[in-house]
Protein backbone atom coordinates (compact mmCIF):
# COMPACT_ATOMS: atom_id res chain seq x y z
CA UNK A 1 0.00 0.00 0.00
CA UNK A 2 2.70 2.43 0.97
CA UNK A 3 4.78 1.57 -2.12
CA UNK A 4 1.74 2.15 -4.36
CA UNK A 5 1.17 5.56 -2.74
CA UNK A 6 4.82 6.50 -3.22
CA UNK A 7 4.79 5.38 -6.86
CA UNK A 8 1.58 7.27 -7.52
CA UNK A 9 2.87 10.42 -5.84
CA UNK A 10 6.16 10.25 -7.75
CA UNK A 11 4.34 9.73 -11.05
CA UNK A 12 2.02 12.66 -10.38
CA UNK A 13 4.91 14.92 -9.41
CA UNK A 14 6.81 13.96 -12.57
CA UNK A 15 3.78 14.66 -14.78
CA UNK A 16 3.24 18.02 -13.07
CA UNK A 17 6.88 18.98 -13.66
CA UNK A 18 6.62 17.98 -17.33
CA UNK A 19 3.51 20.14 -17.76
CA UNK A 20 5.16 23.11 -16.02
CA UNK A 21 8.18 22.70 -18.30
CA UNK A 22 6.08 22.55 -21.47
CA UNK A 23 3.72 25.37 -20.46
CA UNK A 24 5.56 27.72 -18.11
CA UNK A 25 3.50 30.42 -16.37
CA UNK A 26 3.45 33.82 -18.05
CA UNK A 27 5.14 36.67 -16.28
CA UNK A 28 3.01 39.55 -15.06
CA UNK A 29 2.97 42.88 -16.88
CA UNK A 30 4.75 44.62 -13.99
CA UNK A 31 7.60 42.07 -14.03
CA UNK A 32 7.94 42.34 -17.81
CA UNK A 33 8.13 46.15 -17.67
CA UNK A 34 10.65 46.01 -14.82
CA UNK A 35 12.77 43.60 -16.84
CA UNK A 36 12.72 45.95 -19.84
CA UNK A 37 13.63 49.01 -17.75
CA UNK A 38 16.36 47.26 -15.78
CA UNK A 39 19.81 48.61 -16.50
CA UNK A 40 22.53 46.06 -17.28
CA UNK A 41 25.00 45.31 -14.54
CA UNK A 42 28.35 47.06 -15.00
CA UNK A 43 31.08 44.91 -16.41
CA UNK A 44 33.70 43.73 -13.89
CA UNK A 45 36.98 45.61 -13.94
CA UNK A 46 39.08 42.51 -13.35
CA UNK A 47 38.97 40.03 -16.21
CA UNK A 48 41.47 37.25 -15.33
CA UNK A 49 42.86 35.10 -18.08
CA UNK A 50 41.98 31.46 -18.49
CA UNK A 51 45.39 30.30 -19.65
CA UNK A 52 47.39 28.09 -17.36
CA UNK A 53 49.93 25.34 -17.17
CA UNK A 54 49.71 21.68 -18.03
CA UNK A 55 47.48 20.89 -15.05
CA UNK A 56 44.93 23.51 -16.10
CA UNK A 57 44.85 22.30 -19.70
CA UNK A 58 44.41 18.65 -18.69
CA UNK A 59 41.60 19.30 -16.25
CA UNK A 60 39.72 21.95 -18.26
CA UNK A 61 37.25 19.57 -19.99
CA UNK A 62 36.17 17.98 -16.70
CA UNK A 63 36.12 21.40 -14.99
CA UNK A 64 33.84 22.80 -17.71
CA UNK A 65 31.55 19.78 -17.25
CA UNK A 66 31.40 20.40 -13.49
CA UNK A 67 30.70 24.11 -14.05
CA UNK A 68 27.80 23.32 -16.40
CA UNK A 69 26.45 20.84 -13.85
CA UNK A 70 26.27 23.59 -11.21
CA UNK A 71 29.32 22.60 -9.17
CA UNK A 72 30.61 26.17 -8.88
CA UNK A 73 30.46 25.84 -5.09
CA UNK A 74 33.71 23.86 -5.31
CA UNK A 75 35.42 27.27 -5.61
CA UNK A 76 34.04 29.38 -2.71
CA UNK A 77 33.37 33.11 -3.00
CA UNK A 78 36.38 34.03 -0.86
CA UNK A 79 38.68 31.96 -3.04
CA UNK A 80 37.15 33.58 -6.14
CA UNK A 81 38.00 37.03 -4.80
CA UNK A 82 41.55 35.96 -4.03
CA UNK A 83 41.84 34.49 -7.53
CA UNK A 84 40.68 37.80 -9.04
CA UNK A 85 43.47 39.57 -7.15
CA UNK A 86 45.97 37.04 -8.48
CA UNK A 87 44.66 37.45 -12.05
CA UNK A 88 43.49 33.84 -12.24
CA UNK A 89 40.08 32.63 -13.37
CA UNK A 90 37.93 30.27 -11.26
CA UNK A 91 37.74 27.91 -14.25
CA UNK A 92 41.51 27.61 -14.38
CA UNK A 93 41.70 27.05 -10.62
CA UNK A 94 38.98 24.38 -10.74
CA UNK A 95 40.79 22.66 -13.62
CA UNK A 96 44.01 22.54 -11.59
CA UNK A 97 42.13 21.16 -8.58
CA UNK A 98 40.52 18.45 -10.71
CA UNK A 99 43.83 17.44 -12.29
CA UNK A 100 45.64 17.19 -8.97
CA UNK A 101 42.71 15.30 -7.44
CA UNK A 102 42.78 12.73 -10.25
CA UNK A 103 46.55 12.36 -9.91
CA UNK A 104 46.16 11.81 -6.19
CA UNK A 105 43.49 9.21 -6.90
CA UNK A 106 45.96 7.24 -9.03
CA UNK A 107 48.98 7.49 -6.70
CA UNK A 108 47.97 4.78 -4.19
CA UNK A 109 46.89 2.19 -6.83
CA UNK A 110 50.11 2.80 -8.76
CA UNK A 111 52.20 2.28 -5.62
CA UNK A 112 50.30 -0.90 -4.72
CA UNK A 113 50.78 -2.20 -8.29
CA UNK A 114 54.54 -1.61 -8.03
CA UNK A 115 54.64 -3.40 -4.70
CA UNK A 116 52.65 -6.29 -6.17
CA UNK A 117 55.16 -6.59 -9.00
CA UNK A 118 57.89 -6.75 -6.38
CA UNK A 119 56.16 -9.62 -4.63
CA UNK A 120 54.54 -7.73 -1.75
CA UNK A 121 50.80 -8.06 -1.22
CA UNK A 122 48.65 -5.41 0.45
CA UNK A 123 45.06 -5.65 1.65
CA UNK A 124 42.54 -4.16 -0.79
CA UNK A 125 41.23 -1.61 1.71
CA UNK A 126 44.63 0.07 2.08
CA UNK A 127 45.03 1.28 -1.54
CA UNK A 128 41.36 2.28 -1.64
CA UNK A 129 41.60 4.48 1.44
CA UNK A 130 44.98 5.77 0.28
CA UNK A 131 43.49 6.75 -3.10
CA UNK A 132 40.64 8.62 -1.42
CA UNK A 133 42.96 10.46 0.96
CA UNK A 134 45.42 11.40 -1.81
CA UNK A 135 42.56 12.58 -4.04
CA UNK A 136 41.20 14.85 -1.31
CA UNK A 137 44.68 16.20 -0.55
CA UNK A 138 45.37 16.84 -4.23
CA UNK A 139 42.03 18.63 -4.62
CA UNK A 140 42.65 20.88 -1.59
CA UNK A 141 46.34 21.68 -2.21
CA UNK A 142 45.72 24.49 -4.79
CA UNK A 143 43.67 26.41 -2.19
CA UNK A 144 46.40 26.45 0.46
CA UNK A 145 48.63 29.24 -0.84
CA UNK A 146 45.89 31.33 -2.48
CA UNK A 147 45.02 33.46 0.57
CA UNK A 148 48.66 34.20 1.44
CA UNK A 149 49.54 35.21 -2.12
CA UNK A 150 46.42 37.38 -2.38
CA UNK A 151 47.19 39.11 0.93
CA UNK A 152 50.71 39.88 -0.29
CA UNK A 153 49.32 41.26 -3.56
CA UNK A 154 46.78 43.44 -1.72
CA UNK A 155 49.60 44.81 0.44
CA UNK A 156 51.51 45.76 -2.72
CA UNK A 157 48.38 47.43 -4.09
CA UNK A 158 48.02 49.49 -0.90
CA UNK A 159 51.61 50.69 -1.26
CA UNK A 160 50.87 51.79 -4.82
CA UNK A 161 47.59 53.36 -3.70
CA UNK A 162 49.40 55.70 -1.31
CA UNK A 163 51.58 56.92 -4.19
CA UNK A 164 48.47 57.29 -6.34
CA UNK A 165 46.87 59.48 -3.67
CA UNK A 166 49.94 61.70 -3.54
CA UNK A 167 49.83 62.12 -7.31
CA UNK A 168 46.13 62.96 -7.20
CA UNK A 169 46.77 65.60 -4.51
CA UNK A 170 49.55 67.15 -6.64
CA UNK A 171 47.26 67.24 -9.69
CA UNK A 172 44.47 68.85 -7.66
CA UNK A 173 46.90 71.42 -6.27
CA UNK A 174 47.83 72.32 -9.86
CA UNK A 175 44.25 73.38 -10.55
CA UNK A 176 42.98 70.27 -12.31
CA UNK A 177 39.55 68.78 -11.89
CA UNK A 178 38.81 65.56 -10.07
CA UNK A 179 38.44 63.40 -13.19
CA UNK A 180 41.53 64.81 -14.88
CA UNK A 181 43.53 64.45 -11.64
CA UNK A 182 42.59 60.77 -11.37
CA UNK A 183 43.45 60.11 -15.02
CA UNK A 184 46.79 61.96 -14.82
CA UNK A 185 47.80 60.19 -11.60
CA UNK A 186 46.96 56.77 -13.03
CA UNK A 187 48.86 57.45 -16.27
CA UNK A 188 52.08 58.38 -14.45
CA UNK A 189 52.58 55.24 -12.38
CA UNK A 190 53.88 51.87 -13.56
CA UNK A 191 53.21 48.31 -12.43
CA UNK A 192 50.13 46.15 -12.20
CA UNK A 193 48.31 48.30 -9.54
CA UNK A 194 48.39 51.36 -11.78
CA UNK A 195 47.41 49.16 -14.73
CA UNK A 196 44.30 48.13 -12.79
CA UNK A 197 43.55 51.77 -11.95
CA UNK A 198 43.93 52.81 -15.60
CA UNK A 199 41.69 49.92 -16.68
CA UNK A 200 38.98 51.02 -14.25
CA UNK A 201 39.16 54.66 -15.38
CA UNK A 202 39.17 53.71 -19.07
CA UNK A 203 36.16 51.45 -18.53
CA UNK A 204 34.34 54.29 -16.75
CA UNK A 205 35.08 56.67 -19.61
CA UNK A 206 33.88 54.20 -22.25
CA UNK A 207 30.73 53.37 -20.25
CA UNK A 208 30.10 57.09 -19.54
CA UNK A 209 29.92 56.58 -15.82
CA UNK A 210 31.59 58.39 -12.96
CA UNK A 211 35.23 57.36 -12.48
CA UNK A 212 34.80 57.02 -8.72
CA UNK A 213 32.09 54.39 -9.33
CA UNK A 214 34.58 52.28 -11.29
CA UNK A 215 37.22 52.78 -8.60
CA UNK A 216 34.78 51.69 -5.91
CA UNK A 217 33.88 48.61 -7.93
CA UNK A 218 37.58 47.83 -8.34
CA UNK A 219 38.09 48.13 -4.59
CA UNK A 220 35.21 45.73 -3.99
CA UNK A 221 36.54 43.19 -6.50
CA UNK A 222 40.05 43.38 -5.04
CA UNK A 223 38.89 43.36 -1.44
CA UNK A 224 40.82 46.59 -0.72
CA UNK A 225 38.66 48.75 1.53
CA UNK A 226 40.99 51.75 1.25
CA UNK A 227 40.21 52.08 -2.45
CA UNK A 228 36.46 51.97 -1.79
CA UNK A 229 36.89 54.71 0.84
CA UNK A 230 38.90 56.75 -1.67
CA UNK A 231 36.10 56.38 -4.22
CA UNK A 232 33.56 57.59 -1.65
CA UNK A 233 35.69 60.64 -0.83
CA UNK A 234 36.20 61.51 -4.49
CA UNK A 235 32.46 61.04 -5.10
CA UNK A 236 31.77 63.80 -2.58
CA UNK A 237 34.04 66.12 -4.54
CA UNK A 238 32.55 65.15 -7.89
CA UNK A 239 28.85 65.27 -6.92
CA UNK A 240 28.61 67.71 -4.02
CA UNK A 241 31.61 69.94 -4.64
CA UNK A 242 33.39 69.05 -1.42
CA UNK A 243 37.02 70.12 -0.99
CA UNK A 244 38.73 66.78 -1.19
CA UNK A 245 42.40 67.67 -1.54
CA UNK A 246 43.10 67.94 2.19
CA UNK A 247 41.09 64.79 2.83
CA UNK A 248 43.07 62.81 0.26
CA UNK A 249 46.37 64.11 1.64
CA UNK A 250 45.35 63.04 5.16
CA UNK A 251 44.21 59.66 3.83
CA UNK A 252 47.58 59.13 2.08
CA UNK A 253 49.42 60.00 5.31
CA UNK A 254 47.21 57.63 7.31
CA UNK A 255 47.74 54.86 4.78
CA UNK A 256 51.51 55.22 4.94
CA UNK A 257 51.44 55.26 8.73
CA UNK A 258 49.40 52.05 8.76
CA UNK A 259 51.84 50.44 6.32
CA UNK A 260 54.81 51.43 8.50
CA UNK A 261 53.08 49.93 11.55
CA UNK A 262 52.47 46.68 9.65
CA UNK A 263 56.10 46.61 8.51
CA UNK A 264 57.32 47.10 12.09
CA UNK A 265 55.02 44.34 13.32
CA UNK A 266 56.30 41.97 10.63
CA UNK A 267 59.91 42.83 11.51
CA UNK A 268 59.30 42.14 15.20
CA UNK A 269 57.67 38.81 14.38
CA UNK A 270 60.63 37.89 12.18
CA UNK A 271 63.05 38.85 14.98
CA UNK A 272 61.17 36.62 17.43
CA UNK A 273 61.30 33.73 14.97
CA UNK A 274 65.05 34.26 14.57
CA UNK A 275 65.56 33.97 18.33
CA UNK A 276 64.19 30.40 18.40
CA UNK A 277 67.18 28.80 16.56
CA UNK A 278 69.56 30.65 18.89
CA UNK A 279 67.74 29.28 21.95
CA UNK A 280 67.82 25.75 20.53
CA UNK A 281 71.52 26.07 19.71
CA UNK A 282 72.27 27.29 23.24
CA UNK A 283 70.21 24.43 24.73
CA UNK A 284 72.14 21.91 22.62
CA UNK A 285 75.42 23.49 23.72
CA UNK A 286 74.43 23.18 27.39
CA UNK A 287 73.39 19.56 26.81
CA UNK A 288 76.74 18.59 25.30
CA UNK A 289 78.61 20.37 28.10
CA UNK A 290 76.60 18.87 30.92
CA UNK A 291 76.12 15.35 29.50
CA UNK A 292 79.52 13.93 30.62
CA UNK A 293 79.02 15.10 34.20
CA UNK A 294 75.45 13.79 34.36
CA UNK A 295 76.47 10.49 32.76
CA UNK A 296 79.33 10.03 35.25
CA UNK A 297 77.03 10.73 38.21
CA UNK A 298 74.45 8.26 36.96
CA UNK A 299 77.01 5.48 36.33
CA UNK A 300 78.64 5.95 39.76
CA UNK A 301 75.40 5.38 41.62
């Protein structure tokens, strides 16, 4: 009885889904008008490349299949933001994870096959569990160094941002407008941070939007809050006529002070780590000096 009810309910649900798929409900007039009036989302400033090494090329077909199947959750949002900072695409990262996971899956069976050729026999559960563990480790390994590399790259961007602020202040002091000061400051600098700033400003000019909106979007994509705060300050000058030069100068000074404090903290941490080998060396020296006396006392008892 229960099985008949379950079969009947499943059949009815399947037929209802087929009918909904063949004859979907019509959208209301208000939703259709809102869809027509909706402005397109602005294009992202960061467009990472999909090229990669051998691991990315080998795992790209399976990664594309997983992406089409809705397995994008394998690359979390935080990892995606770090990948954008590192100029890597989530598809490339997922392909590398898939390739390393498959290699890890084959390591344990290959080792057990070599041992079997040498005459050693292993229980079947051991290579199976080893294959699963190596596959999980290989799939997780690409995520380990992402956050550290992205934090280092954000720190470099903050250093360049302080120089960019100084250049903007100089351009404003020369009598230039806000938009021209931003463009001139971005065109002077070199390196990938200034290339990102120029890309954001060029995209804003082509899309006919305010440059501070593109800068704020870049700060959100990079995860650099200082750039978003800079965009908000410049927006006040561009929309409400606020005097922003003194504010930007103070922000540049504050940013440099924060960077100096971080550098001092890192130096102190490095100094503390350097003291550990000295302590271990001194302890070993005391052990070698005191060992003969302790050994003689123990043997004389």
